[in-house]
PDB file of N, CA and C in Angstrom:
ATOM      1  N   MET A   1       0.595  -1.133  -0.104  1.00  0.00           N
ATOM      2  CA  MET A   1      -0.365  -0.457   0.192  1.00  0.00           C
ATOM      3  C   MET A   1       1.208   1.024  -0.086  1.00  0.00           C
ATOM      4  N   ASP A   2       0.661   1.913  -0.992  1.00  0.00           N
ATOM      5  CA  ASP A   2       0.975   3.846  -0.332  1.00  0.00           C
ATOM      6  C   ASP A   2       0.454   4.510  -0.349  1.00  0.00           C
ATOM      7  N   TYR A   3       0.883   4.594   1.162  1.00  0.00           N
ATOM      8  CA  TYR A   3       0.695   5.390   2.482  1.00  0.00           C
ATOM      9  C   TYR A   3       0.503   6.533   1.911  1.00  0.00           C
ATOM     10  N   ARG A   4       1.933   7.181   1.368  1.00  0.00           N
ATOM     11  CA  ARG A   4       1.773   8.872   0.566  1.00  0.00           C
ATOM     12  C   ARG A   4       0.005   9.394   0.236  1.00  0.00           C
ATOM     13  N   LEU A   5      -0.352   7.997  -0.924  1.00  0.00           N
ATOM     14  CA  LEU A   5      -2.090   8.676  -1.190  1.00  0.00           C
ATOM     15  C   LEU A   5      -2.586   8.395  -0.291  1.00  0.00           C
ATOM     16  N   LEU A   6      -3.350   6.918   0.699  1.00  0.00           N
ATOM     17  CA  LEU A   6      -4.224   7.092   1.565  1.00  0.00           C
ATOM     18  C   LEU A   6      -4.044   8.276   2.469  1.00  0.00           C
ATOM     19  N   LEU A   7      -2.689   8.974   2.488  1.00  0.00           N
ATOM     20  CA  LEU A   7      -1.759  10.607   2.771  1.00  0.00           C
ATOM     21  C   LEU A   7      -2.850  11.662   3.021  1.00  0.00           C
ATOM     22  N   LYS A   8      -2.479  11.496   1.049  1.00  0.00           N
ATOM     23  CA  LYS A   8      -3.465  12.321   0.285  1.00  0.00           C
ATOM     24  C   LYS A   8      -4.611  12.392   0.185  1.00  0.00           C
ATOM     25  N   ALA A   9      -5.655  11.206  -0.165  1.00  0.00           N
ATOM     26  CA  ALA A   9      -7.185  10.763   0.577  1.00  0.00           C
ATOM     27  C   ALA A   9      -7.527  11.335   2.068  1.00  0.00           C
ATOM     28  N   LYS A  10      -7.064  11.330   3.078  1.00  0.00           N
ATOM     29  CA  LYS A  10      -7.340  11.846   4.100  1.00  0.00           C
ATOM     30  C   LYS A  10      -6.785  13.138   4.921  1.00  0.00           C
ATOM     31  N   TRP A  11      -5.782  13.285   4.156  1.00  0.00           N
ATOM     32  CA  TRP A  11      -5.151  14.646   4.660  1.00  0.00           C
ATOM     33  C   TRP A  11      -6.452  15.711   4.852  1.00  0.00           C
ATOM     34  N   LYS A  12      -7.150  16.039   4.730  1.00  0.00           N
ATOM     35  CA  LYS A  12      -8.344  17.143   4.970  1.00  0.00           C
ATOM     36  C   LYS A  12      -9.003  16.807   6.516  1.00  0.00           C
ATOM     37  N   GLU A  13      -9.269  15.513   6.220  1.00  0.00           N
ATOM     38  CA  GLU A  13      -9.904  14.742   8.282  1.00  0.00           C
ATOM     39  C   GLU A  13      -8.545  14.637   9.087  1.00  0.00           C
ATOM     40  N   ILE A  14      -7.874  14.449   8.781  1.00  0.00           N
ATOM     41  CA  ILE A  14      -6.200  14.520   9.335  1.00  0.00           C
ATOM     42  C   ILE A  14      -5.965  15.812   9.914  1.00  0.00           C
ATOM     43  N   ILE A  15      -5.811  16.948   8.337  1.00  0.00           N
ATOM     44  CA  ILE A  15      -5.476  18.083   9.478  1.00  0.00           C
ATOM     45  C   ILE A  15      -6.600  19.161   9.970  1.00  0.00           C
ATOM     46  N   ASP A  16      -7.443  18.527   9.840  1.00  0.00           N
ATOM     47  CA  ASP A  16      -8.440  19.322  11.000  1.00  0.00           C
ATOM     48  C   ASP A  16      -9.097  18.236  11.649  1.00  0.00           C
ATOM     49  N   HIS A  17      -8.512  17.918  12.264  1.00  0.00           N
ATOM     50  CA  HIS A  17      -8.569  16.833  13.615  1.00  0.00           C
ATOM     51  C   HIS A  17      -8.227  17.967  15.429  1.00  0.00           C
ATOM     52  N   PRO A  18      -8.810  18.415  15.980  1.00  0.00           N
ATOM     53  CA  PRO A  18      -8.200  18.811  17.156  1.00  0.00           C
ATOM     54  C   PRO A  18      -6.565  18.590  17.648  1.00  0.00           C
ATOM     55  N   LEU A  19      -6.909  17.092  17.905  1.00  0.00           N
ATOM     56  CA  LEU A  19      -5.722  17.543  17.911  1.00  0.00           C
ATOM     57  C   LEU A  19      -4.008  17.392  17.347  1.00  0.00           C
ATOM     58  N   ILE A  20      -4.258  17.132  15.623  1.00  0.00           N
ATOM     59  CA  ILE A  20      -3.057  17.626  15.029  1.00  0.00           C
ATOM     60  C   ILE A  20      -3.360  18.505  14.813  1.00  0.00           C
ATOM     61  N   GLN A  21      -4.303  19.458  15.028  1.00  0.00           N
ATOM     62  CA  GLN A  21      -4.312  21.559  14.594  1.00  0.00           C
ATOM     63  C   GLN A  21      -3.696  21.136  16.522  1.00  0.00           C
ATOM     64  N   GLN A  22      -3.557  21.748  17.921  1.00  0.00           N
ATOM     65  CA  GLN A  22      -2.965  21.889  18.922  1.00  0.00           C
ATOM     66  C   GLN A  22      -1.703  20.693  18.270  1.00  0.00           C
ATOM     67  N   PHE A  23      -0.967  19.764  17.844  1.00  0.00           N
ATOM     68  CA  PHE A  23       0.047  19.962  18.001  1.00  0.00           C
ATOM     69  C   PHE A  23       0.458  20.511  17.075  1.00  0.00           C
ATOM     70  N   LEU A  24       0.158  20.182  16.064  1.00  0.00           N
ATOM     71  CA  LEU A  24       1.210  21.616  14.587  1.00  0.00           C
ATOM     72  C   LEU A  24       1.637  22.973  14.408  1.00  0.00           C
ATOM     73  N   SER A  25       0.381  23.616  16.345  1.00  0.00           N
ATOM     74  CA  SER A  25       0.278  24.791  16.861  1.00  0.00           C
ATOM     75  C   SER A  25       2.059  25.074  16.840  1.00  0.00           C
ATOM     76  N   ASN A  26       2.946  23.873  17.453  1.00  0.00           N
ATOM     77  CA  ASN A  26       4.029  24.903  17.412  1.00  0.00           C
ATOM     78  C   ASN A  26       4.809  24.497  16.695  1.00  0.00           C
ATOM     79  N   PRO A  27       5.490  25.383  16.531  1.00  0.00           N
ATOM     80  CA  PRO A  27       6.200  25.923  15.508  1.00  0.00           C
ATOM     81  C   PRO A  27       6.944  24.413  15.455  1.00  0.00           C
ATOM     82  N   LYS A  28       8.271  23.947  15.663  1.00  0.00           N
ATOM     83  CA  LYS A  28       8.823  22.607  15.045  1.00  0.00           C
ATOM     84  C   LYS A  28       7.954  21.992  14.826  1.00  0.00           C
ATOM     85  N   ASN A  29       7.270  21.259  15.612  1.00  0.00           N
ATOM     86  CA  ASN A  29       6.156  20.266  15.062  1.00  0.00           C
ATOM     87  C   ASN A  29       5.540  20.308  13.579  1.00  0.00           C
ATOM     88  N   GLU A  30       4.743  21.637  13.309  1.00  0.00           N
ATOM     89  CA  GLU A  30       4.428  21.975  11.574  1.00  0.00           C
ATOM     90  C   GLU A  30       5.865  22.270  10.404  1.00  0.00           C
ATOM     91  N   GLN A  31       7.435  22.685  11.607  1.00  0.00           N
ATOM     92  CA  GLN A  31       8.392  22.157  10.161  1.00  0.00           C
ATOM     93  C   GLN A  31       9.042  20.700  10.479  1.00  0.00           C
ATOM     94  N   LEU A  32       8.329  19.898  11.089  1.00  0.00           N
ATOM     95  CA  LEU A  32       9.102  18.333  11.289  1.00  0.00           C
ATOM     96  C   LEU A  32       7.497  17.463   9.694  1.00  0.00           C
ATOM     97  N   LEU A  33       6.305  17.799   9.832  1.00  0.00           N
ATOM     98  CA  LEU A  33       5.571  17.377   8.883  1.00  0.00           C
ATOM     99  C   LEU A  33       5.857  17.759   7.235  1.00  0.00           C
ATOM    100  N   ARG A  34       6.533  18.781   7.671  1.00  0.00           N
ATOM    101  CA  ARG A  34       6.254  19.654   6.778  1.00  0.00           C
ATOM    102  C   ARG A  34       8.258  19.201   5.233  1.00  0.00           C
ATOM    103  N   GLN A  35       8.891  18.473   6.853  1.00  0.00           N
ATOM    104  CA  GLN A  35      10.023  17.845   6.361  1.00  0.00           C
ATOM    105  C   GLN A  35       9.821  16.110   5.649  1.00  0.00           C
ATOM    106  N   VAL A  36       8.521  15.863   6.412  1.00  0.00           N
ATOM    107  CA  VAL A  36       8.085  14.526   5.677  1.00  0.00           C
ATOM    108  C   VAL A  36       7.271  14.919   4.732  1.00  0.00           C
ATOM    109  N   MET A  37       6.079  15.518   4.117  1.00  0.00           N
ATOM    110  CA  MET A  37       5.834  15.658   2.490  1.00  0.00           C
ATOM    111  C   MET A  37       6.743  15.999   1.961  1.00  0.00           C
ATOM    112  N   GLU A  38       7.830  16.618   2.151  1.00  0.00           N
ATOM    113  CA  GLU A  38       9.090  17.176   1.324  1.00  0.00           C
ATOM    114  C   GLU A  38       9.736  16.825   0.312  1.00  0.00           C
ATOM    115  N   GLU A  39       9.958  15.784   2.093  1.00  0.00           N
ATOM    116  CA  GLU A  39      11.181  14.689   1.851  1.00  0.00           C
ATOM    117  C   GLU A  39      11.055  13.383   2.768  1.00  0.00           C
ATOM    118  N   PRO A  40       9.667  13.120   1.814  1.00  0.00           N
ATOM    119  CA  PRO A  40       9.995  11.524   2.758  1.00  0.00           C
ATOM    120  C   PRO A  40      10.640  10.159   2.922  1.00  0.00           C
ATOM    121  N   ASN A  41      11.022  10.783   4.197  1.00  0.00           N
ATOM    122  CA  ASN A  41      12.287   9.296   4.138  1.00  0.00           C
ATOM    123  C   ASN A  41      12.050   8.125   5.899  1.00  0.00           C
ATOM    124  N   GLU A  42      12.804   7.486   6.616  1.00  0.00           N
ATOM    125  CA  GLU A  42      12.773   6.750   7.270  1.00  0.00           C
ATOM    126  C   GLU A  42      12.795   7.356   8.277  1.00  0.00           C
ATOM    127  N   GLU A  43      13.643   8.590   8.248  1.00  0.00           N
ATOM    128  CA  GLU A  43      15.270   9.445   9.412  1.00  0.00           C
ATOM    129  C   GLU A  43      13.560  10.208   9.840  1.00  0.00           C
ATOM    130  N   ASN A  44      12.607  10.716   8.818  1.00  0.00           N
ATOM    131  CA  ASN A  44      11.340  12.146   8.996  1.00  0.00           C
ATOM    132  C   ASN A  44      10.792  11.984   9.326  1.00  0.00           C
ATOM    133  N   ALA A  45      10.442  10.592   8.843  1.00  0.00           N
ATOM    134  CA  ALA A  45       8.856   9.804   9.441  1.00  0.00           C
ATOM    135  C   ALA A  45       9.361   9.603  11.048  1.00  0.00           C
ATOM    136  N   LYS A  46      10.505   8.889  11.551  1.00  0.00           N
ATOM    137  CA  LYS A  46      10.548   8.821  12.303  1.00  0.00           C
ATOM    138  C   LYS A  46      10.614  10.061  13.718  1.00  0.00           C
ATOM    139  N   LYS A  47      11.382  11.173  13.007  1.00  0.00           N
ATOM    140  CA  LYS A  47      11.080  12.275  13.362  1.00  0.00           C
ATOM    141  C   LYS A  47      10.038  13.165  14.211  1.00  0.00           C
ATOM    142  N   LEU A  48       8.857  12.850  13.363  1.00  0.00           N
ATOM    143  CA  LEU A  48       8.145  13.314  13.281  1.00  0.00           C
ATOM    144  C   LEU A  48       7.112  12.898  14.582  1.00  0.00           C
ATOM    145  N   ASP A  49       7.583  11.332  14.504  1.00  0.00           N
ATOM    146  CA  ASP A  49       6.569  10.128  14.855  1.00  0.00           C
ATOM    147  C   ASP A  49       6.673  10.277  15.839  1.00  0.00           C
ATOM    148  N   SER A  50       7.830  10.265  16.344  1.00  0.00           N
ATOM    149  CA  SER A  50       8.591  10.758  18.491  1.00  0.00           C
ATOM    150  C   SER A  50       8.359  12.031  19.223  1.00  0.00           C
ATOM    151  N   GLU A  51       7.931  13.415  18.249  1.00  0.00           N
ATOM    152  CA  GLU A  51       7.951  14.544  18.818  1.00  0.00           C
ATOM    153  C   GLU A  51       6.045  13.331  19.000  1.00  0.00           C
ATOM    154  N   PHE A  52       5.318  13.670  18.178  1.00  0.00           N
ATOM    155  CA  PHE A  52       3.976  12.925  18.753  1.00  0.00           C
ATOM    156  C   PHE A  52       3.976  12.426  19.716  1.00  0.00           C
ATOM    157  N   LYS A  53       4.536  11.260  19.900  1.00  0.00           N
ATOM    158  CA  LYS A  53       4.692  10.504  20.337  1.00  0.00           C
ATOM    159  C   LYS A  53       5.016  11.450  21.982  1.00  0.00           C
ATOM    160  N   GLN A  54       5.718  12.120  22.365  1.00  0.00           N
ATOM    161  CA  GLN A  54       6.058  12.951  23.229  1.00  0.00           C
ATOM    162  C   GLN A  54       4.975  13.994  23.837  1.00  0.00           C
ATOM    163  N   PHE A  55       4.041  13.894  22.675  1.00  0.00           N
ATOM    164  CA  PHE A  55       3.025  15.276  22.903  1.00  0.00           C
ATOM    165  C   PHE A  55       2.069  14.095  23.384  1.00  0.00           C
ATOM    166  N   TYR A  56       1.631  13.480  22.660  1.00  0.00           N
ATOM    167  CA  TYR A  56       0.110  12.517  22.852  1.00  0.00           C
ATOM    168  C   TYR A  56       0.228  12.354  24.411  1.00  0.00           C
TER     169      TYR A  56
END
């Protein structure tokens, strides 16, 4: 399964979720998401995942 296609299909639903909005209100987290979107690789995904786990 291509997770990028799934993410794009669900993007509006994901980005509008209050928890995600709160997480992305931190500029550092928003930048990590941008990095994942612009350069999707395991390292960037792990950084974003780690920050979200600490947040949640």
